[in-house]
């Protein structure tokens, strides 16, 4: 593959992720945005911190049976 093709593919994936659409890469897996609500985290020293809500990009590999 040439660089132009890879750059175009990366741009398409980036645009879809920004729009919060799932991106299925046949034979590889799926990229999707998962919303994580606000939550608190307690550290070993007892300090409690509230973490803001955020969107995380996750990747689920394709099932070998689906190939």
Protein backbone atom coordinates (compact mmCIF):
# COMPACT_ATOMS: atom_id res chain seq x y z
CA UNK A 1 0.00 0.00 0.00
CA UNK A 2 1.21 3.49 -0.68
CA UNK A 3 1.27 6.33 1.83
CA UNK A 4 -1.57 8.22 0.15
CA UNK A 5 -3.93 5.26 0.56
CA UNK A 6 -2.97 4.79 4.23
CA UNK A 7 -3.34 8.50 4.95
CA UNK A 8 -6.79 8.54 3.33
CA UNK A 9 -7.88 5.46 5.30
CA UNK A 10 -6.63 7.02 8.55
CA UNK A 11 -8.54 10.24 7.81
CA UNK A 12 -11.79 8.34 7.13
CA UNK A 13 -11.43 6.38 10.37
CA UNK A 14 -10.61 9.57 12.31
CA UNK A 15 -13.71 11.35 10.95
CA UNK A 16 -16.00 8.45 11.86
CA UNK A 17 -14.56 8.19 15.38
CA UNK A 18 -15.01 11.95 15.90
CA UNK A 19 -18.67 11.51 14.87
CA UNK A 20 -18.87 8.65 17.43
CA UNK A 21 -19.65 6.05 14.78
CA UNK A 22 -18.38 2.47 15.13
CA UNK A 23 -15.68 1.55 12.61
CA UNK A 24 -15.52 -2.12 11.64
CA UNK A 25 -12.27 -3.20 10.02
CA UNK A 26 -13.06 -6.51 8.37
CA UNK A 27 -10.74 -9.23 9.60
CA UNK A 28 -9.20 -6.97 12.27
CA UNK A 29 -11.91 -5.80 14.64
CA UNK A 30 -14.08 -2.84 15.63
CA UNK A 31 -13.26 0.62 16.93
CA UNK A 32 -15.97 2.28 18.99
CA UNK A 33 -16.45 5.12 21.42
CA UNK A 34 -17.65 4.16 24.90
CA UNK A 35 -18.97 6.77 27.32
CA UNK A 36 -17.63 6.52 30.88
CA UNK A 37 -19.81 8.44 33.35
CA UNK A 38 -18.45 10.54 36.20
CA UNK A 39 -17.16 8.31 38.98
CA UNK A 40 -15.02 8.42 42.06
CA UNK A 41 -11.72 6.65 42.53
CA UNK A 42 -10.16 5.89 45.88
CA UNK A 43 -6.38 5.62 46.08
CA UNK A 44 -4.46 3.33 48.44
CA UNK A 45 -3.63 6.27 50.72
CA UNK A 46 -7.38 6.88 51.22
CA UNK A 47 -7.63 9.94 48.99
CA UNK A 48 -10.89 10.06 47.02
CA UNK A 49 -10.99 11.85 43.67
CA UNK A 50 -14.00 12.51 41.42
CA UNK A 51 -13.16 11.80 37.79
CA UNK A 52 -15.12 13.64 35.08
CA UNK A 53 -17.16 11.84 32.44
CA UNK A 54 -15.24 10.98 29.29
CA UNK A 55 -15.46 9.16 26.00
CA UNK A 56 -12.88 6.40 25.42
CA UNK A 57 -11.87 4.76 22.17
CA UNK A 58 -11.95 0.97 22.46
CA UNK A 59 -10.91 -1.77 20.06
CA UNK A 60 -12.49 -5.22 19.99
CA UNK A 61 -10.52 -7.75 17.92
CA UNK A 62 -12.37 -9.79 15.32
CA UNK A 63 -13.39 -13.28 16.37
CA UNK A 64 -11.21 -15.88 14.64
CA UNK A 65 -14.39 -17.82 13.74
CA UNK A 66 -15.68 -14.82 11.74
CA UNK A 67 -12.72 -14.78 9.35
